[in-house]
Amino acid sequence: MKQQSLDLNRLLGPDSGSEAETKVESEPLLDRRSELPLTWIKGYLTLAQQMALLREVQGYPFESPEIEVYGKRHRIPRSQVWFGDSGCDTKYSGLLVKALPWPKYADRLRQKLKRDFSLESNGVLVNRYVDGKESMGWHCDNEPEFSAGSDIASITLGATRDFIIRDKVTHEKQTFALQSGDLLIMHWPMQDRWEHALPKRLKVTEPRINYTFRRVIADYFG
């Protein structure tokens, strides 16, 4: 599949120099909503950190695999790639996805999350949405290969998109407008009670990149 280049200037403005020279305008903002098992930190990454990741993303081998839904084959409405430690593979809609070696800056981001939050991860799913026509349907991240009790950290780059969660019992919804550089941590009870989705937003014309760092059981698939 032909790789699509990301226009970094359109996404984030011109590169402003090294990471050491780039400062966040204010301290990252922490948002804990109605005692949800979720932490939202706005502006977690500096502009320079975002730029480094976005440049690296342009070399990722993204794919849009076909999956079977109600007996019919469909191509997923986004592209993705899975990186991880050796033996840390995962499955998506019945498709086994082998872990590719960690890219430099994705691994640095993993180490940063470990330093800042003691968040252990051995794999990351990177999703690319080229515009608001691409999306992710309702689901919860409760695959059997995921380590029980582990948190999932989500980093947004690029376009602002609505991330919606829905209570499985009451169907109550809450919306988070995630911006470039934001961090959202779903703590382990989240998947038991809530589903989440990234719906279409046709007015959005810019791409969004999303990193979701996870901990899986090594060699789960043999």
N, C-alpha and C. Protein backbone atom coordinates (compact mmCIF):
# COMPACT_ATOMS: atom_id res chain seq x y z
N MET A 1 0.85 -1.19 0.00
CA MET A 1 0.00 0.00 0.00
C MET A 1 0.89 1.24 0.00
N LYS A 2 0.53 2.22 -0.83
CA LYS A 2 1.32 3.44 -0.92
C LYS A 2 1.24 4.23 0.37
N GLN A 3 2.39 4.66 0.86
CA GLN A 3 2.42 5.43 2.10
C GLN A 3 1.98 6.87 1.83
N GLN A 4 1.21 7.44 2.73
CA GLN A 4 0.74 8.80 2.60
C GLN A 4 1.58 9.68 3.51
N SER A 5 2.15 10.74 2.92
CA SER A 5 3.01 11.63 3.68
C SER A 5 2.17 12.58 4.53
N LEU A 6 2.62 12.83 5.74
CA LEU A 6 1.94 13.76 6.63
C LEU A 6 2.56 15.14 6.46
N ASP A 7 1.73 16.16 6.30
CA ASP A 7 2.20 17.53 6.22
C ASP A 7 2.36 18.06 7.64
N LEU A 8 3.59 18.04 8.14
CA LEU A 8 3.83 18.39 9.54
C LEU A 8 3.52 19.85 9.82
N ASN A 9 3.82 20.74 8.86
CA ASN A 9 3.54 22.15 9.09
C ASN A 9 2.05 22.41 9.24
N ARG A 10 1.23 21.71 8.46
CA ARG A 10 -0.21 21.88 8.57
C ARG A 10 -0.73 21.34 9.90
N LEU A 11 -0.10 20.28 10.38
CA LEU A 11 -0.56 19.67 11.62
C LEU A 11 -0.16 20.46 12.85
N LEU A 12 1.10 20.89 12.88
CA LEU A 12 1.63 21.45 14.13
C LEU A 12 2.30 22.80 13.97
N GLY A 13 2.38 23.32 12.77
CA GLY A 13 3.13 24.53 12.55
C GLY A 13 4.59 24.20 12.28
N PRO A 14 5.42 25.17 11.93
CA PRO A 14 6.82 24.90 11.60
C PRO A 14 7.58 24.37 12.79
N ASP A 15 8.61 23.57 12.49
CA ASP A 15 9.45 23.02 13.54
C ASP A 15 10.12 24.16 14.29
N SER A 16 10.09 24.09 15.60
CA SER A 16 10.59 25.21 16.40
C SER A 16 11.92 24.89 17.07
N GLY A 17 12.62 23.89 16.58
CA GLY A 17 13.93 23.62 17.12
C GLY A 17 13.99 22.36 17.92
N SER A 18 15.06 22.22 18.71
CA SER A 18 15.28 21.00 19.47
C SER A 18 14.31 20.90 20.62
N GLU A 19 14.21 19.69 21.17
CA GLU A 19 13.31 19.46 22.30
C GLU A 19 13.68 20.34 23.48
N ALA A 20 14.98 20.55 23.68
CA ALA A 20 15.42 21.35 24.81
C ALA A 20 14.97 22.80 24.67
N GLU A 21 14.85 23.28 23.40
CA GLU A 21 14.48 24.67 23.17
C GLU A 21 12.98 24.88 23.23
N THR A 22 12.21 23.81 23.08
CA THR A 22 10.76 23.94 22.99
C THR A 22 10.13 23.71 24.35
N LYS A 23 9.36 24.67 24.80
CA LYS A 23 8.70 24.57 26.10
C LYS A 23 7.19 24.55 25.90
N VAL A 24 6.49 23.88 26.78
CA VAL A 24 5.04 23.93 26.75
C VAL A 24 4.65 25.30 27.30
N GLU A 25 3.61 25.90 26.72
CA GLU A 25 3.20 27.23 27.15
C GLU A 25 2.75 27.24 28.61
N SER A 26 2.16 26.15 29.06
CA SER A 26 1.72 26.06 30.45
C SER A 26 1.93 24.63 30.92
N GLU A 27 1.75 24.42 32.20
CA GLU A 27 1.87 23.07 32.73
C GLU A 27 0.78 22.18 32.13
N PRO A 28 1.07 20.90 31.89
CA PRO A 28 0.01 19.99 31.41
C PRO A 28 -1.19 20.01 32.35
N LEU A 29 -2.37 19.96 31.78
CA LEU A 29 -3.61 20.04 32.55
C LEU A 29 -4.14 18.64 32.81
N LEU A 30 -4.47 18.37 34.05
CA LEU A 30 -4.98 17.06 34.45
C LEU A 30 -6.50 17.13 34.58
N ASP A 31 -7.18 16.18 33.96
CA ASP A 31 -8.64 16.15 33.99
C ASP A 31 -9.08 14.75 34.42
N ARG A 32 -9.71 14.67 35.60
CA ARG A 32 -10.31 13.41 36.06
C ARG A 32 -11.82 13.62 36.10
N ARG A 33 -12.55 12.90 35.28
CA ARG A 33 -13.98 13.16 35.14
C ARG A 33 -14.82 12.21 35.98
N SER A 34 -15.64 12.77 36.82
CA SER A 34 -16.66 12.05 37.59
C SER A 34 -16.19 10.69 38.09
N GLU A 35 -14.96 10.67 38.59
CA GLU A 35 -14.39 9.47 39.20
C GLU A 35 -14.32 8.29 38.24
N LEU A 36 -14.23 8.58 36.95
CA LEU A 36 -14.00 7.51 35.98
C LEU A 36 -12.60 6.94 36.19
N PRO A 37 -12.40 5.66 35.85
CA PRO A 37 -11.04 5.09 35.92
C PRO A 37 -10.23 5.54 34.71
N LEU A 38 -10.05 6.86 34.59
CA LEU A 38 -9.46 7.45 33.40
C LEU A 38 -8.74 8.74 33.80
N THR A 39 -7.57 8.97 33.21
CA THR A 39 -6.82 10.20 33.45
C THR A 39 -6.52 10.86 32.11
N TRP A 40 -6.85 12.14 32.00
CA TRP A 40 -6.62 12.90 30.76
C TRP A 40 -5.63 14.01 31.07
N ILE A 41 -4.48 14.00 30.43
CA ILE A 41 -3.47 15.03 30.63
C ILE A 41 -3.31 15.79 29.32
N LYS A 42 -3.76 17.03 29.31
CA LYS A 42 -3.71 17.84 28.10
C LYS A 42 -2.31 18.43 27.94
N GLY A 43 -1.78 18.41 26.73
CA GLY A 43 -0.48 18.99 26.48
C GLY A 43 0.66 18.21 27.11
N TYR A 44 0.53 16.90 27.17
CA TYR A 44 1.55 16.07 27.82
C TYR A 44 2.88 16.12 27.05
N LEU A 45 2.82 16.09 25.72
CA LEU A 45 4.04 16.12 24.91
C LEU A 45 4.34 17.54 24.44
N THR A 46 5.61 17.90 24.43
CA THR A 46 6.02 19.18 23.86
C THR A 46 5.89 19.13 22.35
N LEU A 47 5.95 20.31 21.72
CA LEU A 47 5.88 20.38 20.27
C LEU A 47 7.02 19.60 19.63
N ALA A 48 8.23 19.73 20.17
CA ALA A 48 9.39 19.03 19.61
C ALA A 48 9.22 17.52 19.70
N GLN A 49 8.69 17.03 20.82
CA GLN A 49 8.44 15.59 20.95
C GLN A 49 7.42 15.12 19.93
N GLN A 50 6.38 15.92 19.72
CA GLN A 50 5.38 15.56 18.71
C GLN A 50 5.98 15.53 17.31
N MET A 51 6.81 16.53 17.00
CA MET A 51 7.43 16.59 15.68
C MET A 51 8.32 15.38 15.42
N ALA A 52 9.09 14.98 16.44
CA ALA A 52 9.98 13.82 16.29
C ALA A 52 9.17 12.56 15.99
N LEU A 53 8.07 12.37 16.69
CA LEU A 53 7.22 11.21 16.46
C LEU A 53 6.56 11.26 15.08
N LEU A 54 6.07 12.44 14.69
CA LEU A 54 5.39 12.55 13.40
C LEU A 54 6.34 12.31 12.23
N ARG A 55 7.59 12.73 12.38
CA ARG A 55 8.57 12.42 11.33
C ARG A 55 8.82 10.92 11.26
N GLU A 56 8.92 10.29 12.41
CA GLU A 56 9.16 8.85 12.44
C GLU A 56 7.97 8.09 11.86
N VAL A 57 6.76 8.56 12.15
CA VAL A 57 5.53 7.90 11.68
C VAL A 57 5.52 7.73 10.17
N GLN A 58 6.13 8.67 9.45
CA GLN A 58 6.09 8.61 7.99
C GLN A 58 6.80 7.38 7.43
N GLY A 59 7.62 6.73 8.25
CA GLY A 59 8.28 5.50 7.82
C GLY A 59 7.63 4.23 8.33
N TYR A 60 6.52 4.34 9.06
CA TYR A 60 5.87 3.15 9.60
C TYR A 60 5.16 2.37 8.48
N PRO A 61 5.21 1.04 8.53
CA PRO A 61 4.55 0.20 7.49
C PRO A 61 3.07 -0.01 7.79
N PHE A 62 2.28 1.04 7.68
CA PHE A 62 0.85 0.95 7.98
C PHE A 62 0.14 0.02 7.00
N GLU A 63 -0.88 -0.68 7.51
CA GLU A 63 -1.74 -1.53 6.68
C GLU A 63 -3.19 -1.33 7.09
N SER A 64 -4.09 -1.61 6.15
CA SER A 64 -5.53 -1.59 6.42
C SER A 64 -6.08 -2.98 6.12
N PRO A 65 -5.99 -3.91 7.07
CA PRO A 65 -6.39 -5.29 6.80
C PRO A 65 -7.90 -5.43 6.62
N GLU A 66 -8.28 -6.51 5.95
CA GLU A 66 -9.69 -6.85 5.83
C GLU A 66 -10.10 -7.72 7.01
N ILE A 67 -11.29 -7.47 7.54
CA ILE A 67 -11.83 -8.30 8.62
C ILE A 67 -13.22 -8.77 8.23
N GLU A 68 -13.68 -9.81 8.90
CA GLU A 68 -15.01 -10.34 8.61
C GLU A 68 -16.01 -9.83 9.64
N VAL A 69 -17.08 -9.21 9.14
CA VAL A 69 -18.15 -8.69 9.99
C VAL A 69 -19.48 -9.22 9.47
N TYR A 70 -20.16 -10.01 10.31
CA TYR A 70 -21.44 -10.62 9.93
C TYR A 70 -21.33 -11.36 8.59
N GLY A 71 -20.23 -12.09 8.44
CA GLY A 71 -20.06 -12.93 7.26
C GLY A 71 -19.55 -12.22 6.03
N LYS A 72 -19.29 -10.92 6.11
CA LYS A 72 -18.80 -10.16 4.96
C LYS A 72 -17.42 -9.58 5.26
N ARG A 73 -16.59 -9.52 4.21
CA ARG A 73 -15.25 -8.98 4.37
C ARG A 73 -15.27 -7.47 4.18
N HIS A 74 -14.63 -6.76 5.11
CA HIS A 74 -14.55 -5.30 5.04
C HIS A 74 -13.13 -4.86 5.38
N ARG A 75 -12.65 -3.82 4.70
CA ARG A 75 -11.37 -3.23 5.06
C ARG A 75 -11.60 -2.23 6.20
N ILE A 76 -10.76 -2.28 7.22
CA ILE A 76 -10.97 -1.39 8.37
C ILE A 76 -10.83 0.07 7.93
N PRO A 77 -11.63 0.98 8.52
CA PRO A 77 -11.63 2.39 8.09
C PRO A 77 -10.52 3.23 8.72
N ARG A 78 -9.30 2.73 8.64
CA ARG A 78 -8.11 3.40 9.15
C ARG A 78 -6.94 2.49 8.79
N SER A 79 -5.73 2.88 9.10
CA SER A 79 -4.58 1.99 8.91
C SER A 79 -3.84 1.88 10.24
N GLN A 80 -3.09 0.78 10.40
CA GLN A 80 -2.48 0.52 11.71
C GLN A 80 -1.21 -0.29 11.58
N VAL A 81 -0.44 -0.30 12.65
CA VAL A 81 0.77 -1.13 12.75
C VAL A 81 0.99 -1.42 14.23
N TRP A 82 1.53 -2.62 14.51
CA TRP A 82 1.78 -3.06 15.89
C TRP A 82 3.27 -3.27 16.09
N PHE A 83 3.84 -2.58 17.09
CA PHE A 83 5.23 -2.75 17.48
C PHE A 83 5.27 -3.35 18.89
N GLY A 84 6.31 -4.14 19.17
CA GLY A 84 6.38 -4.71 20.51
C GLY A 84 7.65 -5.49 20.74
N ASP A 85 7.79 -5.96 21.99
CA ASP A 85 8.91 -6.83 22.34
C ASP A 85 8.75 -8.17 21.63
N SER A 86 9.82 -8.92 21.57
CA SER A 86 9.79 -10.23 20.93
C SER A 86 8.76 -11.14 21.60
N GLY A 87 7.90 -11.76 20.80
CA GLY A 87 6.88 -12.66 21.32
C GLY A 87 5.62 -11.97 21.80
N CYS A 88 5.59 -10.64 21.74
CA CYS A 88 4.42 -9.89 22.22
C CYS A 88 3.49 -9.57 21.05
N ASP A 89 2.89 -10.61 20.52
CA ASP A 89 1.98 -10.47 19.39
C ASP A 89 0.56 -10.22 19.90
N THR A 90 -0.33 -9.85 18.99
CA THR A 90 -1.71 -9.60 19.38
C THR A 90 -2.63 -10.09 18.28
N LYS A 91 -3.93 -10.05 18.54
CA LYS A 91 -4.93 -10.42 17.53
C LYS A 91 -5.92 -9.30 17.37
N TYR A 92 -6.39 -9.13 16.13
CA TYR A 92 -7.40 -8.12 15.85
C TYR A 92 -8.45 -8.76 14.96
N SER A 93 -9.67 -8.89 15.49
CA SER A 93 -10.78 -9.51 14.74
C SER A 93 -10.36 -10.85 14.13
N GLY A 94 -9.66 -11.65 14.94
CA GLY A 94 -9.26 -12.97 14.49
C GLY A 94 -7.97 -13.02 13.71
N LEU A 95 -7.38 -11.86 13.39
CA LEU A 95 -6.13 -11.82 12.63
C LEU A 95 -4.95 -11.73 13.59
N LEU A 96 -4.00 -12.66 13.46
CA LEU A 96 -2.80 -12.61 14.28
C LEU A 96 -1.87 -11.53 13.74
N VAL A 97 -1.45 -10.63 14.61
CA VAL A 97 -0.57 -9.53 14.22
C VAL A 97 0.76 -9.70 14.95
N LYS A 98 1.82 -9.96 14.18
CA LYS A 98 3.15 -10.16 14.76
C LYS A 98 3.76 -8.82 15.14
N ALA A 99 4.46 -8.81 16.26
CA ALA A 99 5.08 -7.57 16.73
C ALA A 99 6.31 -7.23 15.88
N LEU A 100 6.35 -6.01 15.37
CA LEU A 100 7.53 -5.49 14.69
C LEU A 100 8.45 -4.84 15.71
N PRO A 101 9.76 -4.74 15.43
CA PRO A 101 10.68 -4.12 16.39
C PRO A 101 10.32 -2.66 16.67
N TRP A 102 10.62 -2.22 17.88
CA TRP A 102 10.29 -0.86 18.29
C TRP A 102 11.03 0.19 17.48
N PRO A 103 10.35 1.19 16.93
CA PRO A 103 11.04 2.34 16.35
C PRO A 103 11.64 3.20 17.47
N LYS A 104 12.61 4.01 17.12
CA LYS A 104 13.38 4.77 18.11
C LYS A 104 12.50 5.64 19.01
N TYR A 105 11.69 6.51 18.41
CA TYR A 105 10.95 7.48 19.23
C TYR A 105 9.71 6.87 19.88
N ALA A 106 9.13 5.87 19.27
CA ALA A 106 8.03 5.15 19.93
C ALA A 106 8.54 4.49 21.21
N ASP A 107 9.74 3.93 21.15
CA ASP A 107 10.31 3.30 22.34
C ASP A 107 10.67 4.34 23.40
N ARG A 108 11.16 5.50 22.95
CA ARG A 108 11.45 6.57 23.92
C ARG A 108 10.17 7.03 24.62
N LEU A 109 9.08 7.08 23.87
CA LEU A 109 7.80 7.46 24.47
C LEU A 109 7.36 6.41 25.49
N ARG A 110 7.56 5.16 25.15
CA ARG A 110 7.25 4.08 26.11
C ARG A 110 8.03 4.27 27.41
N GLN A 111 9.33 4.57 27.30
CA GLN A 111 10.15 4.75 28.49
C GLN A 111 9.73 5.99 29.28
N LYS A 112 9.30 7.03 28.58
CA LYS A 112 8.81 8.24 29.26
C LYS A 112 7.56 7.93 30.09
N LEU A 113 6.64 7.16 29.52
CA LEU A 113 5.43 6.79 30.25
C LEU A 113 5.76 5.94 31.48
N LYS A 114 6.78 5.11 31.34
CA LYS A 114 7.19 4.29 32.49
C LYS A 114 7.78 5.17 33.59
N ARG A 115 8.62 6.14 33.19
CA ARG A 115 9.21 7.04 34.19
C ARG A 115 8.15 7.90 34.88
N ASP A 116 7.24 8.44 34.09
CA ASP A 116 6.28 9.40 34.62
C ASP A 116 5.14 8.76 35.41
N PHE A 117 4.72 7.54 34.99
CA PHE A 117 3.52 6.94 35.58
C PHE A 117 3.71 5.50 36.04
N SER A 118 4.95 4.99 35.97
CA SER A 118 5.22 3.57 36.27
C SER A 118 4.35 2.68 35.40
N LEU A 119 4.09 3.12 34.19
CA LEU A 119 3.21 2.38 33.28
C LEU A 119 4.05 1.40 32.46
N GLU A 120 3.85 0.13 32.68
CA GLU A 120 4.59 -0.92 32.00
C GLU A 120 3.86 -1.31 30.71
N SER A 121 4.58 -1.31 29.59
CA SER A 121 3.99 -1.75 28.33
C SER A 121 5.04 -2.50 27.52
N ASN A 122 4.58 -3.48 26.76
CA ASN A 122 5.50 -4.22 25.88
C ASN A 122 5.01 -4.26 24.44
N GLY A 123 4.02 -3.42 24.14
CA GLY A 123 3.53 -3.32 22.77
C GLY A 123 2.77 -2.02 22.58
N VAL A 124 2.71 -1.57 21.33
CA VAL A 124 1.95 -0.35 21.02
C VAL A 124 1.25 -0.53 19.68
N LEU A 125 -0.03 -0.21 19.66
CA LEU A 125 -0.80 -0.18 18.42
C LEU A 125 -0.84 1.27 17.95
N VAL A 126 -0.39 1.51 16.72
CA VAL A 126 -0.42 2.86 16.15
C VAL A 126 -1.50 2.88 15.07
N ASN A 127 -2.50 3.73 15.27
CA ASN A 127 -3.57 3.90 14.29
C ASN A 127 -3.39 5.21 13.56
N ARG A 128 -3.65 5.19 12.26
CA ARG A 128 -3.61 6.42 11.45
C ARG A 128 -4.98 6.65 10.82
N TYR A 129 -5.54 7.83 11.07
CA TYR A 129 -6.81 8.24 10.47
C TYR A 129 -6.48 9.40 9.54
N VAL A 130 -6.62 9.21 8.23
CA VAL A 130 -6.17 10.24 7.29
C VAL A 130 -7.03 11.50 7.36
N ASP A 131 -8.28 11.34 7.76
CA ASP A 131 -9.18 12.49 7.93
C ASP A 131 -10.39 12.03 8.75
N GLY A 132 -11.39 12.89 8.84
CA GLY A 132 -12.55 12.57 9.66
C GLY A 132 -13.47 11.52 9.10
N LYS A 133 -13.21 11.06 7.89
CA LYS A 133 -14.01 9.97 7.32
C LYS A 133 -13.60 8.62 7.90
N GLU A 134 -12.40 8.56 8.46
CA GLU A 134 -11.91 7.30 9.04
C GLU A 134 -12.23 7.28 10.53
N SER A 135 -12.44 6.08 11.06
CA SER A 135 -13.03 5.99 12.39
C SER A 135 -12.69 4.67 13.07
N MET A 136 -13.18 4.54 14.31
CA MET A 136 -13.09 3.31 15.10
C MET A 136 -14.44 3.10 15.78
N GLY A 137 -15.03 1.91 15.62
CA GLY A 137 -16.34 1.64 16.20
C GLY A 137 -16.28 1.32 17.68
N TRP A 138 -17.45 1.09 18.27
CA TRP A 138 -17.55 0.79 19.70
C TRP A 138 -16.85 -0.53 20.02
N HIS A 139 -16.03 -0.50 21.06
CA HIS A 139 -15.32 -1.71 21.49
C HIS A 139 -14.74 -1.47 22.88
N CYS A 140 -14.27 -2.53 23.50
CA CYS A 140 -13.46 -2.41 24.72
C CYS A 140 -12.23 -3.28 24.54
N ASP A 141 -11.13 -2.84 25.11
CA ASP A 141 -9.85 -3.53 24.94
C ASP A 141 -9.70 -4.61 26.00
N ASN A 142 -10.36 -5.74 25.77
CA ASN A 142 -10.35 -6.83 26.76
C ASN A 142 -9.94 -8.16 26.13
N GLU A 143 -9.08 -8.09 25.12
CA GLU A 143 -8.61 -9.31 24.48
C GLU A 143 -7.88 -10.20 25.49
N PRO A 144 -7.97 -11.52 25.33
CA PRO A 144 -7.39 -12.42 26.34
C PRO A 144 -5.88 -12.33 26.47
N GLU A 145 -5.19 -11.85 25.42
CA GLU A 145 -3.74 -11.75 25.52
C GLU A 145 -3.28 -10.52 26.32
N PHE A 146 -4.19 -9.60 26.65
CA PHE A 146 -3.81 -8.44 27.45
C PHE A 146 -3.62 -8.84 28.91
N SER A 147 -2.58 -8.33 29.52
CA SER A 147 -2.30 -8.65 30.92
C SER A 147 -3.40 -8.09 31.81
N ALA A 148 -3.91 -8.94 32.69
CA ALA A 148 -4.99 -8.51 33.60
C ALA A 148 -4.51 -7.39 34.51
N GLY A 149 -5.36 -6.40 34.72
CA GLY A 149 -5.04 -5.32 35.63
C GLY A 149 -4.09 -4.27 35.08
N SER A 150 -3.79 -4.32 33.78
CA SER A 150 -2.85 -3.35 33.21
C SER A 150 -3.59 -2.15 32.62
N ASP A 151 -2.95 -0.98 32.70
CA ASP A 151 -3.51 0.24 32.14
C ASP A 151 -3.13 0.37 30.67
N ILE A 152 -3.88 1.19 29.94
CA ILE A 152 -3.61 1.47 28.53
C ILE A 152 -3.42 2.97 28.39
N ALA A 153 -2.30 3.37 27.80
CA ALA A 153 -2.00 4.79 27.60
C ALA A 153 -2.17 5.15 26.13
N SER A 154 -2.91 6.22 25.88
CA SER A 154 -3.21 6.65 24.52
C SER A 154 -2.67 8.06 24.29
N ILE A 155 -1.87 8.21 23.23
CA ILE A 155 -1.28 9.50 22.86
C ILE A 155 -1.87 9.93 21.51
N THR A 156 -2.31 11.18 21.43
CA THR A 156 -2.86 11.74 20.20
C THR A 156 -1.84 12.67 19.55
N LEU A 157 -1.70 12.55 18.22
CA LEU A 157 -0.91 13.49 17.42
C LEU A 157 -1.76 13.95 16.24
N GLY A 158 -1.63 15.22 15.89
CA GLY A 158 -2.34 15.71 14.71
C GLY A 158 -3.69 16.30 15.02
N ALA A 159 -4.67 15.94 14.20
CA ALA A 159 -5.99 16.54 14.28
C ALA A 159 -6.70 16.25 15.60
N THR A 160 -7.47 17.21 16.06
CA THR A 160 -8.33 17.01 17.23
C THR A 160 -9.51 16.13 16.82
N ARG A 161 -9.76 15.07 17.60
CA ARG A 161 -10.89 14.19 17.32
C ARG A 161 -11.63 13.89 18.62
N ASP A 162 -12.94 13.63 18.47
CA ASP A 162 -13.76 13.26 19.62
C ASP A 162 -13.55 11.78 19.96
N PHE A 163 -13.21 11.53 21.22
CA PHE A 163 -13.09 10.19 21.77
C PHE A 163 -14.27 10.02 22.71
N ILE A 164 -15.14 9.05 22.45
CA ILE A 164 -16.38 8.91 23.21
C ILE A 164 -16.36 7.60 23.98
N ILE A 165 -16.77 7.66 25.24
CA ILE A 165 -16.92 6.45 26.04
C ILE A 165 -18.39 6.25 26.35
N ARG A 166 -18.79 4.98 26.52
CA ARG A 166 -20.20 4.65 26.75
C ARG A 166 -20.31 3.56 27.80
N ASP A 167 -21.12 3.82 28.81
CA ASP A 167 -21.37 2.83 29.86
C ASP A 167 -22.10 1.64 29.25
N LYS A 168 -21.59 0.43 29.51
CA LYS A 168 -22.21 -0.77 28.93
C LYS A 168 -23.61 -1.03 29.46
N VAL A 169 -23.89 -0.56 30.67
CA VAL A 169 -25.18 -0.83 31.30
C VAL A 169 -26.18 0.30 31.04
N THR A 170 -25.79 1.53 31.38
CA THR A 170 -26.72 2.66 31.28
C THR A 170 -26.70 3.35 29.93
N HIS A 171 -25.64 3.08 29.12
CA HIS A 171 -25.42 3.72 27.82
C HIS A 171 -25.13 5.22 27.95
N GLU A 172 -24.83 5.67 29.16
CA GLU A 172 -24.39 7.06 29.35
C GLU A 172 -23.11 7.29 28.57
N LYS A 173 -23.00 8.46 27.92
CA LYS A 173 -21.82 8.77 27.11
C LYS A 173 -21.11 10.01 27.64
N GLN A 174 -19.80 10.02 27.45
CA GLN A 174 -18.99 11.20 27.72
C GLN A 174 -18.02 11.37 26.56
N THR A 175 -17.78 12.62 26.17
CA THR A 175 -16.94 12.93 25.02
C THR A 175 -15.71 13.70 25.45
N PHE A 176 -14.55 13.32 24.90
CA PHE A 176 -13.28 13.97 25.15
C PHE A 176 -12.73 14.44 23.81
N ALA A 177 -12.53 15.74 23.64
CA ALA A 177 -11.94 16.27 22.40
C ALA A 177 -10.42 16.23 22.56
N LEU A 178 -9.82 15.14 22.07
CA LEU A 178 -8.39 14.92 22.27
C LEU A 178 -7.59 15.70 21.23
N GLN A 179 -6.63 16.50 21.72
CA GLN A 179 -5.81 17.33 20.85
C GLN A 179 -4.40 16.76 20.74
N SER A 180 -3.65 17.30 19.80
CA SER A 180 -2.29 16.82 19.58
C SER A 180 -1.44 17.03 20.83
N GLY A 181 -0.78 15.96 21.25
CA GLY A 181 0.06 16.00 22.45
C GLY A 181 -0.64 15.55 23.71
N ASP A 182 -1.96 15.31 23.64
CA ASP A 182 -2.71 14.87 24.82
C ASP A 182 -2.42 13.40 25.15
N LEU A 183 -2.50 13.10 26.44
CA LEU A 183 -2.36 11.72 26.93
C LEU A 183 -3.65 11.33 27.64
N LEU A 184 -4.18 10.17 27.30
CA LEU A 184 -5.35 9.62 27.98
C LEU A 184 -4.97 8.24 28.51
N ILE A 185 -5.09 8.03 29.82
CA ILE A 185 -4.79 6.73 30.41
C ILE A 185 -6.09 6.08 30.84
N MET A 186 -6.38 4.91 30.29
CA MET A 186 -7.53 4.12 30.73
C MET A 186 -7.03 3.11 31.75
N HIS A 187 -7.40 3.33 33.01
CA HIS A 187 -6.96 2.43 34.07
C HIS A 187 -7.74 1.12 33.99
N TRP A 188 -7.19 0.08 34.58
CA TRP A 188 -7.64 -1.28 34.26
C TRP A 188 -9.14 -1.54 34.46
N PRO A 189 -9.87 -0.91 35.40
CA PRO A 189 -11.30 -1.25 35.48
C PRO A 189 -12.12 -0.70 34.30
N MET A 190 -11.51 0.20 33.52
CA MET A 190 -12.26 0.88 32.45
C MET A 190 -12.90 -0.09 31.48
N GLN A 191 -12.17 -1.12 31.07
CA GLN A 191 -12.66 -2.03 30.04
C GLN A 191 -13.83 -2.89 30.53
N ASP A 192 -13.96 -3.06 31.84
CA ASP A 192 -15.05 -3.88 32.37
C ASP A 192 -16.40 -3.19 32.23
N ARG A 193 -16.42 -1.88 32.36
CA ARG A 193 -17.69 -1.15 32.44
C ARG A 193 -17.98 -0.27 31.23
N TRP A 194 -16.92 0.18 30.55
CA TRP A 194 -17.10 1.17 29.49
C TRP A 194 -16.57 0.68 28.15
N GLU A 195 -17.26 1.08 27.07
CA GLU A 195 -16.76 0.92 25.70
C GLU A 195 -16.27 2.29 25.23
N HIS A 196 -15.50 2.29 24.15
CA HIS A 196 -15.07 3.57 23.59
C HIS A 196 -15.04 3.50 22.07
N ALA A 197 -15.05 4.68 21.44
CA ALA A 197 -15.10 4.76 19.98
C ALA A 197 -14.51 6.10 19.54
N LEU A 198 -14.09 6.13 18.27
CA LEU A 198 -13.67 7.37 17.62
C LEU A 198 -14.57 7.53 16.39
N PRO A 199 -15.67 8.29 16.51
CA PRO A 199 -16.64 8.37 15.42
C PRO A 199 -16.15 9.24 14.26
N LYS A 200 -16.81 9.10 13.13
CA LYS A 200 -16.52 9.95 11.98
C LYS A 200 -16.84 11.40 12.31
N ARG A 201 -16.02 12.28 11.77
CA ARG A 201 -16.24 13.73 11.88
C ARG A 201 -15.88 14.32 10.52
N LEU A 202 -16.88 14.46 9.64
CA LEU A 202 -16.63 14.78 8.24
C LEU A 202 -16.00 16.16 8.03
N LYS A 203 -16.11 17.04 9.01
CA LYS A 203 -15.50 18.36 8.87
C LYS A 203 -14.00 18.34 9.14
N VAL A 204 -13.50 17.24 9.70
CA VAL A 204 -12.06 17.12 9.98
C VAL A 204 -11.34 16.70 8.70
N THR A 205 -10.39 17.51 8.27
CA THR A 205 -9.68 17.23 7.01
C THR A 205 -8.22 16.85 7.23
N GLU A 206 -7.74 16.91 8.47
CA GLU A 206 -6.35 16.61 8.76
C GLU A 206 -6.21 15.20 9.34
N PRO A 207 -5.02 14.60 9.21
CA PRO A 207 -4.80 13.26 9.77
C PRO A 207 -4.60 13.28 11.28
N ARG A 208 -4.93 12.16 11.89
CA ARG A 208 -4.68 11.95 13.32
C ARG A 208 -3.91 10.65 13.48
N ILE A 209 -2.89 10.68 14.33
CA ILE A 209 -2.13 9.48 14.70
C ILE A 209 -2.40 9.20 16.17
N ASN A 210 -2.60 7.93 16.49
CA ASN A 210 -2.88 7.55 17.87
C ASN A 210 -2.00 6.37 18.27
N TYR A 211 -1.26 6.54 19.35
CA TYR A 211 -0.46 5.46 19.94
C TYR A 211 -1.22 4.92 21.15
N THR A 212 -1.44 3.61 21.21
CA THR A 212 -2.02 3.01 22.42
C THR A 212 -1.04 1.96 22.94
N PHE A 213 -0.45 2.29 24.08
CA PHE A 213 0.56 1.42 24.70
C PHE A 213 -0.14 0.42 25.61
N ARG A 214 0.20 -0.86 25.43
CA ARG A 214 -0.49 -1.93 26.15
C ARG A 214 0.53 -2.93 26.71
N ARG A 215 0.06 -3.74 27.61
CA ARG A 215 0.88 -4.86 28.13
C ARG A 215 0.17 -6.15 27.78
N VAL A 216 0.86 -7.00 27.00
CA VAL A 216 0.29 -8.28 26.61
C VAL A 216 1.10 -9.40 27.24
N ILE A 217 0.51 -10.58 27.25
CA ILE A 217 1.19 -11.77 27.78
C ILE A 217 2.15 -12.28 26.71
N ALA A 218 3.43 -12.29 27.01
CA ALA A 218 4.43 -12.73 26.04
C ALA A 218 4.21 -14.18 25.64
N ASP A 219 4.37 -14.45 24.35
CA ASP A 219 4.24 -15.81 23.78
C ASP A 219 2.85 -16.41 24.02
N TYR A 220 1.84 -15.56 24.14
CA TYR A 220 0.47 -16.04 24.37
C TYR A 220 0.01 -16.93 23.22
N PHE A 221 0.43 -16.60 22.01
CA PHE A 221 0.01 -17.35 20.83
C PHE A 221 1.04 -18.41 20.42
N GLY A 222 2.00 -18.67 21.28
CA GLY A 222 2.97 -19.73 21.03
C GLY A 222 4.14 -19.28 20.18
